[in-house]
Amino acid sequence: MFRDGLSGLVDLLLPLHCSGCGAAGTAWCPDCARELGGLHRVERPLLPPTPPAYALGRYRGAARRAVLAYKEAGQRHLADPLARHLATGLRAITEQHQLDHHWWLVPAPSRAIAARRRGGAHMRRIAHRMSALLTAAGWPTAVADCLLTARGAADSTGLDAAERVRNLSGRVLLQNGRLPPPTAQLVLIDDVITTAATAAACLAVLGTAGRAVHAVLSLTATAG
């Protein structure tokens, strides 16, 4: 909480520049926002045919810089615009697949050491912003922060698909007291889909608890 407040104070004192292109006067300009304005189906060998997985943009250019600025450079004010992009994407998925408007958001888990460095779990923060936006718009939405990454999981940067699977094997765990109701309509949200090892591990562990995920939605995805 203190770190979030300090980050907000710094944002007020320093001039704003777009995290995507550096343009002055805004944290996220309309031109860069277009890079997260689509809804693209993501297919990976590790992902099952269902639920459908989507990303809003490619993990490159302005979109990549914004994700890294939010996740690694402490620019937590980006949680709001990134949550708005995901909320728009979830509305599109809902209409496309004729799903119910009542969602439970499951944020992909962060390693504990990474969450401490970032001042909190970055996708949990976005999930709560996203829930507030959708609920205010008449789409009742809640957050089920029910997944965690156990000790022993390494940073996945630089790992190939097989190494990522081994890295996460048995290390994505359920927090049983935080599970959504058994009949809840779930969407797993994340920032980047690379090999989809994280998404696949999350889907598997939720399945063992009898929780069906209806969609996977990420801000970005690599080229595959």
Protein backbone atom coordinates (compact mmCIF):
# COMPACT_ATOMS: atom_id res chain seq x y z
CA MET A 1 0.00 0.00 0.00
CA PHE A 2 2.83 2.40 0.91
CA ARG A 3 4.60 1.65 -2.36
CA ASP A 4 1.45 2.30 -4.38
CA GLY A 5 1.03 5.63 -2.62
CA LEU A 6 4.65 6.56 -3.21
CA SER A 7 4.36 5.60 -6.87
CA GLY A 8 1.27 7.79 -7.21
CA LEU A 9 3.07 10.73 -5.58
CA VAL A 10 5.99 10.37 -7.99
CA ASP A 11 3.54 10.31 -10.91
CA LEU A 12 2.09 13.64 -9.72
CA LEU A 13 5.47 15.31 -9.26
CA LEU A 14 7.13 14.17 -12.50
CA PRO A 15 5.93 15.10 -16.01
CA LEU A 16 3.92 12.34 -17.67
CA HIS A 17 5.28 10.64 -20.76
CA CYS A 18 3.61 7.89 -22.75
CA SER A 19 5.05 4.52 -21.82
CA GLY A 20 4.75 3.38 -25.41
CA CYS A 21 6.29 6.23 -27.39
CA GLY A 22 7.48 8.85 -24.90
CA ALA A 23 5.00 11.54 -25.97
CA ALA A 24 4.62 14.19 -23.28
CA GLY A 25 1.45 14.87 -21.30
CA THR A 26 -0.02 11.40 -21.03
CA ALA A 27 0.89 8.03 -19.55
CA TRP A 28 -0.61 6.10 -22.50
CA CYS A 29 -1.42 7.94 -25.72
CA PRO A 30 -4.26 7.10 -28.14
CA ASP A 31 -1.84 6.08 -30.91
CA CYS A 32 -0.10 3.51 -28.71
CA ALA A 33 -3.43 2.35 -27.28
CA ARG A 34 -4.34 1.06 -30.74
CA GLU A 35 -1.67 -1.63 -30.32
CA LEU A 36 -3.89 -3.16 -27.63
CA GLY A 37 -7.11 -2.55 -29.49
CA GLY A 38 -7.61 -5.92 -31.16
CA LEU A 39 -8.76 -9.36 -30.07
CA HIS A 40 -6.65 -12.11 -31.60
CA ARG A 41 -7.03 -15.85 -31.06
CA VAL A 42 -3.89 -17.39 -29.58
CA GLU A 43 -3.01 -21.00 -30.32
CA ARG A 44 -0.13 -22.87 -28.72
CA PRO A 45 0.69 -26.59 -28.51
CA LEU A 46 0.40 -26.41 -24.71
CA LEU A 47 -3.11 -24.97 -24.80
CA PRO A 48 -6.14 -27.26 -25.02
CA PRO A 49 -8.73 -26.53 -27.74
CA THR A 50 -11.00 -25.03 -25.10
CA PRO A 51 -11.29 -22.59 -23.50
CA PRO A 52 -10.44 -20.10 -26.26
CA ALA A 53 -7.37 -17.96 -25.61
CA TYR A 54 -7.05 -14.39 -26.83
CA ALA A 55 -4.58 -11.52 -26.75
CA LEU A 56 -5.21 -7.84 -27.40
CA GLY A 57 -1.92 -7.20 -29.17
CA ARG A 58 1.51 -8.49 -30.06
CA TYR A 59 4.29 -8.42 -27.48
CA ARG A 60 6.33 -5.87 -29.38
CA GLY A 61 6.67 -2.13 -29.87
CA ALA A 62 4.58 0.16 -27.70
CA ALA A 63 2.53 -2.69 -26.21
CA ARG A 64 5.67 -4.48 -24.99
CA ARG A 65 7.13 -1.26 -23.59
CA ALA A 66 3.90 -0.53 -21.69
CA VAL A 67 3.75 -4.04 -20.18
CA LEU A 68 7.37 -3.81 -19.07
CA ALA A 69 6.93 -0.27 -17.73
CA TYR A 70 3.98 -1.42 -15.64
CA LYS A 71 5.42 -4.73 -14.51
CA GLU A 72 9.12 -4.01 -14.09
CA ALA A 73 9.59 -0.22 -13.91
CA GLY A 74 7.04 0.55 -11.20
CA GLN A 75 4.66 2.57 -13.38
CA ARG A 76 1.58 1.35 -11.53
CA HIS A 77 -0.60 4.14 -12.91
CA LEU A 78 -0.73 2.02 -16.08
CA ALA A 79 -2.98 -0.47 -14.26
CA ASP A 80 -6.01 1.66 -15.13
CA PRO A 81 -5.56 1.92 -18.93
CA LEU A 82 -4.42 -1.71 -19.17
CA ALA A 83 -7.49 -2.79 -17.18
CA ARG A 84 -9.70 -0.80 -19.56
CA HIS A 85 -8.21 -2.64 -22.53
CA LEU A 86 -8.85 -6.01 -20.90
CA ALA A 87 -12.40 -5.03 -19.93
CA THR A 88 -13.13 -4.10 -23.55
CA GLY A 89 -11.65 -7.39 -24.72
CA LEU A 90 -13.74 -9.39 -22.27
CA ARG A 91 -16.91 -7.67 -23.46
CA ALA A 92 -16.03 -8.70 -27.03
CA ILE A 93 -15.39 -12.30 -25.97
CA THR A 94 -18.70 -12.36 -24.10
CA GLU A 95 -20.65 -11.25 -27.15
CA GLN A 96 -18.70 -13.41 -29.59
CA HIS A 97 -19.27 -16.60 -27.59
CA GLN A 98 -22.72 -15.62 -26.27
CA LEU A 99 -21.64 -15.94 -22.65
CA ASP A 100 -23.17 -14.56 -19.49
CA HIS A 101 -22.25 -11.02 -18.43
CA HIS A 102 -21.37 -12.14 -14.90
CA TRP A 103 -17.64 -12.95 -14.71
CA TRP A 104 -15.10 -14.03 -12.16
CA LEU A 105 -11.57 -12.82 -12.98
CA VAL A 106 -8.69 -15.13 -12.10
CA PRO A 107 -5.34 -13.31 -12.30
CA ALA A 108 -2.35 -15.41 -13.35
CA PRO A 109 -0.07 -15.75 -10.30
CA SER A 110 3.29 -14.07 -9.81
CA ARG A 111 6.31 -15.53 -8.06
CA ALA A 112 6.44 -14.19 -4.51
CA ILE A 113 9.87 -12.65 -4.99
CA ALA A 114 8.73 -10.86 -8.16
CA ALA A 115 5.55 -9.59 -6.47
CA ARG A 116 7.57 -8.14 -3.61
CA ARG A 117 9.90 -6.39 -6.04
CA ARG A 118 6.94 -4.94 -7.96
CA GLY A 119 5.05 -3.72 -4.91
CA GLY A 120 2.38 -6.41 -5.22
CA ALA A 121 1.06 -8.97 -7.68
CA HIS A 122 0.69 -6.96 -10.90
CA MET A 123 -2.16 -8.95 -12.46
CA ARG A 124 -4.13 -8.94 -9.21
CA ARG A 125 -4.02 -5.13 -9.24
CA ILE A 126 -5.27 -5.04 -12.84
CA ALA A 127 -7.99 -7.60 -12.05
CA HIS A 128 -9.44 -5.41 -9.30
CA ARG A 129 -9.41 -2.34 -11.57
CA MET A 130 -11.04 -4.38 -14.32
CA SER A 131 -13.70 -5.71 -11.96
CA ALA A 132 -14.60 -2.20 -10.83
CA LEU A 133 -14.89 -0.97 -14.42
CA LEU A 134 -17.11 -3.84 -15.56
CA THR A 135 -19.32 -3.76 -12.47
CA ALA A 136 -19.85 -0.02 -12.85
CA ALA A 137 -20.92 -0.66 -16.45
CA GLY A 138 -23.57 -3.16 -15.37
CA TRP A 139 -21.53 -6.35 -15.78
CA PRO A 140 -21.34 -7.90 -12.26
CA THR A 141 -17.72 -9.00 -11.92
CA ALA A 142 -15.64 -10.33 -9.03
CA VAL A 143 -12.00 -11.31 -8.56
CA ALA A 144 -10.96 -14.82 -7.54
CA ASP A 145 -7.31 -14.45 -6.54
CA CYS A 146 -7.07 -18.18 -6.00
CA LEU A 147 -3.75 -19.15 -7.62
CA LEU A 148 -0.20 -18.85 -6.33
CA THR A 149 3.23 -19.89 -7.50
CA ALA A 150 5.13 -22.03 -5.03
CA ARG A 151 8.74 -21.57 -4.08
CA GLY A 152 11.22 -23.12 -6.45
CA ALA A 153 9.78 -21.64 -9.64
CA ALA A 154 12.45 -19.66 -11.49
CA ASP A 155 12.11 -16.60 -13.69
CA SER A 156 10.86 -17.97 -17.02
CA THR A 157 12.69 -15.42 -19.16
CA GLY A 158 14.89 -17.25 -21.65
CA LEU A 159 13.35 -20.68 -21.03
CA ASP A 160 11.94 -22.69 -23.91
CA ALA A 161 8.54 -24.41 -23.81
CA ALA A 162 9.77 -27.67 -22.26
CA GLU A 163 11.83 -25.81 -19.66
CA ARG A 164 8.86 -23.61 -18.75
CA VAL A 165 6.66 -26.67 -18.25
CA ARG A 166 9.27 -28.29 -15.97
CA ASN A 167 9.74 -24.99 -14.12
CA LEU A 168 6.01 -24.76 -13.28
CA SER A 169 5.32 -28.47 -12.79
CA GLY A 170 3.59 -28.83 -9.43
CA ARG A 171 4.30 -25.19 -8.57
CA VAL A 172 1.01 -23.52 -9.51
CA LEU A 173 -1.16 -24.07 -6.46
CA LEU A 174 -4.71 -23.35 -5.33
CA GLN A 175 -5.64 -21.14 -2.43
CA ASN A 176 -8.76 -23.07 -1.46
CA GLY A 177 -10.27 -20.33 0.66
CA ARG A 178 -10.29 -18.03 -2.36
CA LEU A 179 -11.89 -20.30 -4.94
CA PRO A 180 -14.93 -18.92 -6.77
CA PRO A 181 -18.26 -20.77 -6.60
CA PRO A 182 -18.32 -24.09 -8.52
CA THR A 183 -20.71 -22.70 -11.15
CA ALA A 184 -18.82 -19.43 -11.68
CA GLN A 185 -17.91 -18.29 -15.19
CA LEU A 186 -14.14 -17.77 -15.09
CA VAL A 187 -11.65 -15.92 -17.27
CA LEU A 188 -7.92 -16.27 -16.67
CA ILE A 189 -6.11 -12.98 -17.28
CA ASP A 190 -2.40 -12.43 -17.87
CA ASP A 191 0.01 -9.91 -19.37
CA VAL A 192 1.93 -12.02 -21.93
CA ILE A 193 1.35 -15.40 -23.53
CA THR A 194 4.65 -16.85 -24.71
CA THR A 195 4.63 -20.65 -24.76
CA ALA A 196 1.38 -20.68 -22.72
CA ALA A 197 3.01 -22.83 -20.02
CA THR A 198 1.61 -20.56 -17.31
CA ALA A 199 -1.90 -20.56 -18.75
CA ALA A 200 -1.85 -24.34 -19.22
CA ALA A 201 -0.70 -24.90 -15.63
CA CYS A 202 -3.40 -22.57 -14.30
CA LEU A 203 -6.12 -24.27 -16.34
CA ALA A 204 -5.00 -27.69 -15.15
CA VAL A 205 -4.99 -26.82 -11.45
CA LEU A 206 -8.36 -25.06 -11.68
CA GLY A 207 -9.72 -28.14 -13.43
CA THR A 208 -8.63 -30.36 -10.53
CA ALA A 209 -10.83 -28.19 -8.30
CA GLY A 210 -13.80 -28.56 -10.63
CA ARG A 211 -13.64 -24.95 -11.83
CA ALA A 212 -14.19 -24.52 -15.57
CA VAL A 213 -12.44 -21.61 -17.27
CA HIS A 214 -14.45 -20.13 -20.13
CA ALA A 215 -11.72 -17.95 -21.66
CA VAL A 216 -8.09 -16.93 -21.38
CA LEU A 217 -7.38 -13.25 -22.03
CA SER A 218 -3.94 -11.66 -22.17
CA LEU A 219 -2.79 -8.15 -22.91
CA THR A 220 -0.20 -9.45 -25.38
CA ALA A 221 1.18 -12.57 -26.98
CA THR A 222 4.48 -13.31 -28.65
CA ALA A 223 4.59 -14.39 -32.27
CA GLY A 224 4.46 -18.01 -31.19
